[in-house]
């Protein structure tokens, strides 16, 4: 496995991505996780959208 260059990372980050399936996903409750498979527009690259729901502490630590 070779190292990912910054140029390759920029290319992957900038690609158009679409859902890999037609499943409906529910946003998770507090502390939950939502994982949605994605695919590039040309179908050659696979991605994962990984959402962790938490909270923001507005009062500081």
PDB file of N, CA and C in Angstrom:
ATOM      1  N   UNK A   1       0.846  -1.181   0.000  1.00  0.00           N
ATOM      2  CA  UNK A   1       0.000   0.000   0.000  1.00  0.00           C
ATOM      3  C   UNK A   1       0.888   1.240   0.000  1.00  0.00           C
ATOM      4  N   UNK A   2       0.607   2.180  -0.889  1.00  0.00           N
ATOM      5  CA  UNK A   2       1.423   3.380  -0.968  1.00  0.00           C
ATOM      6  C   UNK A   2       0.798   4.510  -0.165  1.00  0.00           C
ATOM      7  N   UNK A   3       1.608   5.515   0.117  1.00  0.00           N
ATOM      8  CA  UNK A   3       1.117   6.663   0.869  1.00  0.00           C
ATOM      9  C   UNK A   3       0.209   7.523  -0.007  1.00  0.00           C
ATOM     10  N   UNK A   4      -0.755   8.148   0.612  1.00  0.00           N
ATOM     11  CA  UNK A   4      -1.665   9.048  -0.084  1.00  0.00           C
ATOM     12  C   UNK A   4      -1.030  10.430  -0.110  1.00  0.00           C
ATOM     13  N   UNK A   5      -0.817  10.958  -1.292  1.00  0.00           N
ATOM     14  CA  UNK A   5      -0.242  12.294  -1.404  1.00  0.00           C
ATOM     15  C   UNK A   5      -1.318  13.344  -1.169  1.00  0.00           C
ATOM     16  N   UNK A   6      -0.899  14.561  -0.871  1.00  0.00           N
ATOM     17  CA  UNK A   6      -1.859  15.642  -0.675  1.00  0.00           C
ATOM     18  C   UNK A   6      -2.651  15.897  -1.954  1.00  0.00           C
ATOM     19  N   UNK A   7      -1.985  15.774  -3.099  1.00  0.00           N
ATOM     20  CA  UNK A   7      -2.678  15.974  -4.382  1.00  0.00           C
ATOM     21  C   UNK A   7      -3.769  14.923  -4.577  1.00  0.00           C
ATOM     22  N   UNK A   8      -3.476  13.662  -4.242  1.00  0.00           N
ATOM     23  CA  UNK A   8      -4.484  12.603  -4.359  1.00  0.00           C
ATOM     24  C   UNK A   8      -5.624  12.835  -3.373  1.00  0.00           C
ATOM     25  N   UNK A   9      -5.295  13.255  -2.151  1.00  0.00           N
ATOM     26  CA  UNK A   9      -6.326  13.531  -1.147  1.00  0.00           C
ATOM     27  C   UNK A   9      -7.242  14.655  -1.624  1.00  0.00           C
ATOM     28  N   UNK A  10      -6.659  15.701  -2.196  1.00  0.00           N
ATOM     29  CA  UNK A  10      -7.462  16.808  -2.716  1.00  0.00           C
ATOM     30  C   UNK A  10      -8.386  16.343  -3.836  1.00  0.00           C
ATOM     31  N   UNK A  11      -7.874  15.472  -4.697  1.00  0.00           N
ATOM     32  CA  UNK A  11      -8.686  14.935  -5.794  1.00  0.00           C
ATOM     33  C   UNK A  11      -9.875  14.126  -5.252  1.00  0.00           C
ATOM     34  N   UNK A  12      -9.618  13.248  -4.289  1.00  0.00           N
ATOM     35  CA  UNK A  12     -10.679  12.432  -3.698  1.00  0.00           C
ATOM     36  C   UNK A  12     -11.691  13.299  -2.951  1.00  0.00           C
ATOM     37  N   UNK A  13     -11.190  14.276  -2.201  1.00  0.00           N
ATOM     38  CA  UNK A  13     -12.071  15.161  -1.440  1.00  0.00           C
ATOM     39  C   UNK A  13     -12.986  15.955  -2.366  1.00  0.00           C
ATOM     40  N   UNK A  14     -12.471  16.369  -3.518  1.00  0.00           N
ATOM     41  CA  UNK A  14     -13.231  17.200  -4.438  1.00  0.00           C
ATOM     42  C   UNK A  14     -14.179  16.453  -5.358  1.00  0.00           C
ATOM     43  N   UNK A  15     -14.119  15.114  -5.341  1.00  0.00           N
ATOM     44  CA  UNK A  15     -14.992  14.328  -6.229  1.00  0.00           C
ATOM     45  C   UNK A  15     -16.456  14.466  -5.843  1.00  0.00           C
ATOM     46  N   UNK A  16     -17.329  14.456  -6.844  1.00  0.00           N
ATOM     47  CA  UNK A  16     -18.762  14.357  -6.578  1.00  0.00           C
ATOM     48  C   UNK A  16     -19.039  12.969  -6.015  1.00  0.00           C
ATOM     49  N   UNK A  17     -19.858  12.921  -4.976  1.00  0.00           N
ATOM     50  CA  UNK A  17     -20.194  11.645  -4.339  1.00  0.00           C
ATOM     51  C   UNK A  17     -21.708  11.503  -4.253  1.00  0.00           C
ATOM     52  N   UNK A  18     -22.171  10.269  -4.386  1.00  0.00           N
ATOM     53  CA  UNK A  18     -23.601   9.968  -4.339  1.00  0.00           C
ATOM     54  C   UNK A  18     -23.820   8.784  -3.412  1.00  0.00           C
ATOM     55  N   UNK A  19     -25.056   8.667  -2.882  1.00  0.00           N
ATOM     56  CA  UNK A  19     -25.371   7.501  -2.057  1.00  0.00           C
ATOM     57  C   UNK A  19     -25.182   6.234  -2.873  1.00  0.00           C
ATOM     58  N   UNK A  20     -24.650   5.217  -2.228  1.00  0.00           N
ATOM     59  CA  UNK A  20     -24.401   3.946  -2.920  1.00  0.00           C
ATOM     60  C   UNK A  20     -25.649   3.074  -2.973  1.00  0.00           C
ATOM     61  N   UNK A  21     -26.685   3.427  -2.208  1.00  0.00           N
ATOM     62  CA  UNK A  21     -27.911   2.636  -2.183  1.00  0.00           C
ATOM     63  C   UNK A  21     -29.108   3.558  -2.015  1.00  0.00           C
ATOM     64  N   UNK A  22     -30.294   2.997  -2.014  1.00  0.00           N
ATOM     65  CA  UNK A  22     -31.517   3.785  -1.865  1.00  0.00           C
ATOM     66  C   UNK A  22     -32.120   3.680  -0.471  1.00  0.00           C
ATOM     67  N   UNK A  23     -31.350   3.176   0.477  1.00  0.00           N
ATOM     68  CA  UNK A  23     -31.839   3.046   1.856  1.00  0.00           C
ATOM     69  C   UNK A  23     -32.143   4.417   2.444  1.00  0.00           C
ATOM     70  N   UNK A  24     -33.122   4.467   3.334  1.00  0.00           N
ATOM     71  CA  UNK A  24     -33.406   5.675   4.095  1.00  0.00           C
ATOM     72  C   UNK A  24     -32.649   5.580   5.413  1.00  0.00           C
ATOM     73  N   UNK A  25     -32.037   6.679   5.819  1.00  0.00           N
ATOM     74  CA  UNK A  25     -31.242   6.688   7.038  1.00  0.00           C
ATOM     75  C   UNK A  25     -31.843   7.678   8.019  1.00  0.00           C
ATOM     76  N   UNK A  26     -31.912   7.291   9.280  1.00  0.00           N
ATOM     77  CA  UNK A  26     -32.438   8.156  10.328  1.00  0.00           C
ATOM     78  C   UNK A  26     -31.267   8.759  11.094  1.00  0.00           C
ATOM     79  N   UNK A  27     -31.331  10.078  11.284  1.00  0.00           N
ATOM     80  CA  UNK A  27     -30.278  10.736  12.042  1.00  0.00           C
ATOM     81  C   UNK A  27     -30.261  10.155  13.451  1.00  0.00           C
ATOM     82  N   UNK A  28     -29.089   9.846  13.983  1.00  0.00           N
ATOM     83  CA  UNK A  28     -29.014   9.145  15.274  1.00  0.00           C
ATOM     84  C   UNK A  28     -29.387  10.032  16.459  1.00  0.00           C
ATOM     85  N   UNK A  29     -29.818   9.387  17.535  1.00  0.00           N
ATOM     86  CA  UNK A  29     -30.049  10.084  18.796  1.00  0.00           C
ATOM     87  C   UNK A  29     -28.704  10.550  19.336  1.00  0.00           C
ATOM     88  N   UNK A  30     -28.739  11.376  20.368  1.00  0.00           N
ATOM     89  CA  UNK A  30     -27.524  11.899  20.981  1.00  0.00           C
ATOM     90  C   UNK A  30     -26.565  10.763  21.323  1.00  0.00           C
ATOM     91  N   UNK A  31     -25.347  10.888  20.884  1.00  0.00           N
ATOM     92  CA  UNK A  31     -24.343   9.867  21.134  1.00  0.00           C
ATOM     93  C   UNK A  31     -24.337   8.763  20.095  1.00  0.00           C
ATOM     94  N   UNK A  32     -25.248   8.818  19.121  1.00  0.00           N
ATOM     95  CA  UNK A  32     -25.348   7.771  18.110  1.00  0.00           C
ATOM     96  C   UNK A  32     -24.446   8.030  16.919  1.00  0.00           C
ATOM     97  N   UNK A  33     -24.411   7.050  16.039  1.00  0.00           N
ATOM     98  CA  UNK A  33     -23.569   7.113  14.850  1.00  0.00           C
ATOM     99  C   UNK A  33     -24.409   6.763  13.624  1.00  0.00           C
ATOM    100  N   UNK A  34     -24.182   7.482  12.540  1.00  0.00           N
ATOM    101  CA  UNK A  34     -24.826   7.195  11.266  1.00  0.00           C
ATOM    102  C   UNK A  34     -23.720   6.990  10.234  1.00  0.00           C
ATOM    103  N   UNK A  35     -23.754   5.869   9.532  1.00  0.00           N
ATOM    104  CA  UNK A  35     -22.767   5.569   8.509  1.00  0.00           C
ATOM    105  C   UNK A  35     -23.510   5.329   7.190  1.00  0.00           C
ATOM    106  N   UNK A  36     -23.157   6.130   6.168  1.00  0.00           N
ATOM    107  CA  UNK A  36     -23.816   6.053   4.869  1.00  0.00           C
ATOM    108  C   UNK A  36     -22.759   5.751   3.804  1.00  0.00           C
ATOM    109  N   UNK A  37     -22.916   4.659   3.052  1.00  0.00           N
ATOM    110  CA  UNK A  37     -21.962   4.376   1.982  1.00  0.00           C
ATOM    111  C   UNK A  37     -22.188   5.316   0.797  1.00  0.00           C
ATOM    112  N   UNK A  38     -21.082   5.820   0.249  1.00  0.00           N
ATOM    113  CA  UNK A  38     -21.117   6.716  -0.895  1.00  0.00           C
ATOM    114  C   UNK A  38     -20.260   6.140  -2.008  1.00  0.00           C
ATOM    115  N   UNK A  39     -20.499   6.607  -3.231  1.00  0.00           N
ATOM    116  CA  UNK A  39     -19.715   6.180  -4.385  1.00  0.00           C
ATOM    117  C   UNK A  39     -19.453   7.407  -5.253  1.00  0.00           C
ATOM    118  N   UNK A  40     -18.299   7.438  -5.908  1.00  0.00           N
ATOM    119  CA  UNK A  40     -17.987   8.546  -6.803  1.00  0.00           C
ATOM    120  C   UNK A  40     -18.932   8.520  -8.000  1.00  0.00           C
ATOM    121  N   UNK A  41     -19.048   9.650  -8.683  1.00  0.00           N
ATOM    122  CA  UNK A  41     -19.967   9.759  -9.820  1.00  0.00           C
ATOM    123  C   UNK A  41     -19.643   8.739 -10.909  1.00  0.00           C
ATOM    124  N   UNK A  42     -18.364   8.402 -11.075  1.00  0.00           N
ATOM    125  CA  UNK A  42     -17.998   7.423 -12.106  1.00  0.00           C
ATOM    126  C   UNK A  42     -18.027   5.981 -11.595  1.00  0.00           C
ATOM    127  N   UNK A  43     -18.337   5.801 -10.299  1.00  0.00           N
ATOM    128  CA  UNK A  43     -18.469   4.471  -9.723  1.00  0.00           C
ATOM    129  C   UNK A  43     -17.162   3.770  -9.411  1.00  0.00           C
ATOM    130  N   UNK A  44     -16.034   4.465  -9.567  1.00  0.00           N
ATOM    131  CA  UNK A  44     -14.736   3.822  -9.368  1.00  0.00           C
ATOM    132  C   UNK A  44     -14.212   3.905  -7.942  1.00  0.00           C
ATOM    133  N   UNK A  45     -14.721   4.851  -7.155  1.00  0.00           N
ATOM    134  CA  UNK A  45     -14.233   5.039  -5.785  1.00  0.00           C
ATOM    135  C   UNK A  45     -15.390   4.893  -4.805  1.00  0.00           C
ATOM    136  N   UNK A  46     -15.118   4.265  -3.666  1.00  0.00           N
ATOM    137  CA  UNK A  46     -16.108   4.118  -2.597  1.00  0.00           C
ATOM    138  C   UNK A  46     -15.700   4.972  -1.409  1.00  0.00           C
ATOM    139  N   UNK A  47     -16.696   5.545  -0.749  1.00  0.00           N
ATOM    140  CA  UNK A  47     -16.462   6.404   0.404  1.00  0.00           C
ATOM    141  C   UNK A  47     -17.456   6.028   1.499  1.00  0.00           C
ATOM    142  N   UNK A  48     -17.207   6.520   2.702  1.00  0.00           N
ATOM    143  CA  UNK A  48     -18.132   6.341   3.821  1.00  0.00           C
ATOM    144  C   UNK A  48     -18.362   7.701   4.463  1.00  0.00           C
ATOM    145  N   UNK A  49     -19.632   8.080   4.594  1.00  0.00           N
ATOM    146  CA  UNK A  49     -20.001   9.275   5.344  1.00  0.00           C
ATOM    147  C   UNK A  49     -20.297   8.811   6.764  1.00  0.00           C
ATOM    148  N   UNK A  50     -19.506   9.258   7.703  1.00  0.00           N
ATOM    149  CA  UNK A  50     -19.553   8.790   9.090  1.00  0.00           C
ATOM    150  C   UNK A  50     -19.920   9.979   9.971  1.00  0.00           C
ATOM    151  N   UNK A  51     -21.149   9.981  10.523  1.00  0.00           N
ATOM    152  CA  UNK A  51     -21.641  11.094  11.335  1.00  0.00           C
ATOM    153  C   UNK A  51     -21.812  10.624  12.769  1.00  0.00           C
ATOM    154  N   UNK A  52     -21.154  11.312  13.689  1.00  0.00           N
ATOM    155  CA  UNK A  52     -21.284  11.041  15.123  1.00  0.00           C
ATOM    156  C   UNK A  52     -22.030  12.216  15.740  1.00  0.00           C
ATOM    157  N   UNK A  53     -23.138  11.933  16.371  1.00  0.00           N
ATOM    158  CA  UNK A  53     -23.912  13.007  16.972  1.00  0.00           C
ATOM    159  C   UNK A  53     -23.503  13.167  18.422  1.00  0.00           C
ATOM    160  N   UNK A  54     -23.206  14.385  18.774  1.00  0.00           N
ATOM    161  CA  UNK A  54     -22.820  14.706  20.143  1.00  0.00           C
ATOM    162  C   UNK A  54     -23.431  16.022  20.545  1.00  0.00           C
ATOM    163  N   UNK A  55     -22.766  16.703  21.416  1.00  0.00           N
ATOM    164  CA  UNK A  55     -23.241  18.025  21.825  1.00  0.00           C
ATOM    165  C   UNK A  55     -22.067  18.952  21.973  1.00  0.00           C
ATOM    166  N   UNK A  56     -22.361  20.240  21.948  1.00  0.00           N
ATOM    167  CA  UNK A  56     -21.341  21.267  22.108  1.00  0.00           C
ATOM    168  C   UNK A  56     -21.505  21.874  23.496  1.00  0.00           C
ATOM    169  N   UNK A  57     -20.417  21.912  24.236  1.00  0.00           N
ATOM    170  CA  UNK A  57     -20.438  22.503  25.568  1.00  0.00           C
ATOM    171  C   UNK A  57     -20.183  23.999  25.433  1.00  0.00           C
ATOM    172  N   UNK A  58     -21.219  24.824  25.562  1.00  0.00           N
ATOM    173  CA  UNK A  58     -21.103  26.260  25.397  1.00  0.00           C
ATOM    174  C   UNK A  58     -20.544  26.964  26.647  1.00  0.00           C
ATOM    175  N   UNK A  59     -20.466  26.246  27.764  1.00  0.00           N
ATOM    176  CA  UNK A  59     -19.956  26.828  29.006  1.00  0.00           C
ATOM    177  C   UNK A  59     -18.469  26.577  29.205  1.00  0.00           C
ATOM    178  N   UNK A  60     -17.826  25.924  28.268  1.00  0.00           N
ATOM    179  CA  UNK A  60     -16.404  25.623  28.424  1.00  0.00           C
ATOM    180  C   UNK A  60     -16.228  24.309  29.163  1.00  0.00           C
ATOM    181  N   UNK A  61     -14.999  24.014  29.534  1.00  0.00           N
ATOM    182  CA  UNK A  61     -14.684  22.739  30.190  1.00  0.00           C
ATOM    183  C   UNK A  61     -15.093  22.667  31.623  1.00  0.00           C
TER     184      UNK A  61
END
